[in-house]
Amino acid sequence: MNRNQLVTMMYMSKTGEITKRQVKILDIKDESFKAYCYVKRAQRTFKIEQVLAIVPVIRRENEII
C-alpha cells in the first residue's frame, strides 16, 4: 500500500461485518491507515489487521473515473 493509491479492499468491521470498499489511501501508521472511502463518501480510519484482501485499482489513461 502506498500513499495516494486507489485500492479495492475486503474489510471486516469490529462487529464482524464484511464489506467491499474502494478507497484512496491518505496516510499509513503502524497498525492503521486513513483513507477516503468512496462507499461512505468520507475519510475513515481502518485497522490493517482487519483488511482481508486488497487489490490496487489499475486505471487506463483514457478512462475517466
C-alpha atoms as a PDB file:
ATOM      1  CA  MET A   1       0.000   0.000   0.000  1.00  0.00           C
ATOM      2  CA  ASN A   2       1.220   3.447  -0.881  1.00  0.00           C
ATOM      3  CA  ARG A   3       0.032   6.920  -0.071  1.00  0.00           C
ATOM      4  CA  ASN A   4      -2.468   8.315  -2.631  1.00  0.00           C
ATOM      5  CA  GLN A   5      -3.002   4.829  -4.058  1.00  0.00           C
ATOM      6  CA  LEU A   6      -6.508   3.787  -5.113  1.00  0.00           C
ATOM      7  CA  VAL A   7      -7.378   0.257  -3.963  1.00  0.00           C
ATOM      8  CA  THR A   8     -10.315  -2.102  -3.652  1.00  0.00           C
ATOM      9  CA  MET A   9     -10.395  -3.998  -0.380  1.00  0.00           C
ATOM     10  CA  MET A  10     -12.414  -6.528   1.548  1.00  0.00           C
ATOM     11  CA  TYR A  11     -12.676  -5.328   5.145  1.00  0.00           C
ATOM     12  CA  MET A  12     -14.112  -6.843   8.313  1.00  0.00           C
ATOM     13  CA  SER A  13     -15.551  -4.358  10.817  1.00  0.00           C
ATOM     14  CA  LYS A  14     -15.170  -4.792  14.576  1.00  0.00           C
ATOM     15  CA  THR A  15     -18.708  -6.257  14.615  1.00  0.00           C
ATOM     16  CA  GLY A  16     -17.722  -8.907  12.031  1.00  0.00           C
ATOM     17  CA  GLU A  17     -19.480  -7.363   9.023  1.00  0.00           C
ATOM     18  CA  ILE A  18     -17.544  -7.871   5.785  1.00  0.00           C
ATOM     19  CA  THR A  19     -17.675  -5.117   3.167  1.00  0.00           C
ATOM     20  CA  LYS A  20     -16.045  -4.428  -0.186  1.00  0.00           C
ATOM     21  CA  ARG A  21     -14.798  -0.842  -0.448  1.00  0.00           C
ATOM     22  CA  GLN A  22     -12.884   1.292  -2.881  1.00  0.00           C
ATOM     23  CA  VAL A  23     -10.619   3.714  -1.019  1.00  0.00           C
ATOM     24  CA  LYS A  24      -7.829   6.198  -1.665  1.00  0.00           C
ATOM     25  CA  ILE A  25      -5.073   5.785   0.916  1.00  0.00           C
ATOM     26  CA  LEU A  26      -4.165   9.062   2.621  1.00  0.00           C
ATOM     27  CA  ASP A  27      -1.835   8.116   5.490  1.00  0.00           C
ATOM     28  CA  ILE A  28      -0.387   4.875   6.869  1.00  0.00           C
ATOM     29  CA  LYS A  29       0.547   4.258  10.516  1.00  0.00           C
ATOM     30  CA  ASP A  30       1.896   1.129  12.239  1.00  0.00           C
ATOM     31  CA  GLU A  31      -1.476  -0.545  12.880  1.00  0.00           C
ATOM     32  CA  SER A  32      -3.951   1.526  10.852  1.00  0.00           C
ATOM     33  CA  PHE A  33      -4.352   3.749   7.832  1.00  0.00           C
ATOM     34  CA  LYS A  34      -6.532   6.703   6.901  1.00  0.00           C
ATOM     35  CA  ALA A  35      -8.300   6.649   3.567  1.00  0.00           C
ATOM     36  CA  TYR A  36     -11.082   8.337   1.695  1.00  0.00           C
ATOM     37  CA  CYS A  37     -13.855   5.738   1.384  1.00  0.00           C
ATOM     38  CA  TYR A  38     -15.935   6.059  -1.790  1.00  0.00           C
ATOM     39  CA  VAL A  39     -18.703   3.873  -0.278  1.00  0.00           C
ATOM     40  CA  LYS A  40     -19.224   6.141   2.755  1.00  0.00           C
ATOM     41  CA  ARG A  41     -18.058   9.284   0.897  1.00  0.00           C
ATOM     42  CA  ALA A  42     -15.921  10.270   3.868  1.00  0.00           C
ATOM     43  CA  GLN A  43     -12.461   9.902   5.337  1.00  0.00           C
ATOM     44  CA  ARG A  44     -12.206   6.787   7.524  1.00  0.00           C
ATOM     45  CA  THR A  45      -9.583   5.038   9.618  1.00  0.00           C
ATOM     46  CA  PHE A  46      -9.089   1.308   9.002  1.00  0.00           C
ATOM     47  CA  LYS A  47      -7.168  -1.215  11.099  1.00  0.00           C
ATOM     48  CA  ILE A  48      -4.646  -3.080   8.975  1.00  0.00           C
ATOM     49  CA  GLU A  49      -5.284  -6.354  10.813  1.00  0.00           C
ATOM     50  CA  GLN A  50      -8.951  -6.241   9.707  1.00  0.00           C
ATOM     51  CA  VAL A  51      -8.163  -5.968   5.985  1.00  0.00           C
ATOM     52  CA  LEU A  52      -8.959  -9.360   4.436  1.00  0.00           C
ATOM     53  CA  ALA A  53      -7.777  -8.599   0.884  1.00  0.00           C
ATOM     54  CA  ILE A  54      -6.513  -5.588  -1.016  1.00  0.00           C
ATOM     55  CA  VAL A  55      -6.002  -5.054  -4.758  1.00  0.00           C
ATOM     56  CA  PRO A  56      -4.710  -1.911  -6.485  1.00  0.00           C
ATOM     57  CA  VAL A  57      -7.073  -0.264  -8.957  1.00  0.00           C
ATOM     58  CA  ILE A  58      -5.425  -0.016 -12.367  1.00  0.00           C
ATOM     59  CA  ARG A  59      -6.623   2.940 -14.430  1.00  0.00           C
ATOM     60  CA  ARG A  60      -6.213   3.326 -18.155  1.00  0.00           C
ATOM     61  CA  GLU A  61      -5.000   6.686 -19.407  1.00  0.00           C
ATOM     62  CA  ASN A  62      -8.206   7.424 -21.334  1.00  0.00           C
ATOM     63  CA  GLU A  63     -10.546   6.213 -18.562  1.00  0.00           C
ATOM     64  CA  ILE A  64     -12.498   8.788 -16.586  1.00  0.00           C
ATOM     65  CA  ILE A  65     -13.492   7.889 -13.048  1.00  0.00           C
END
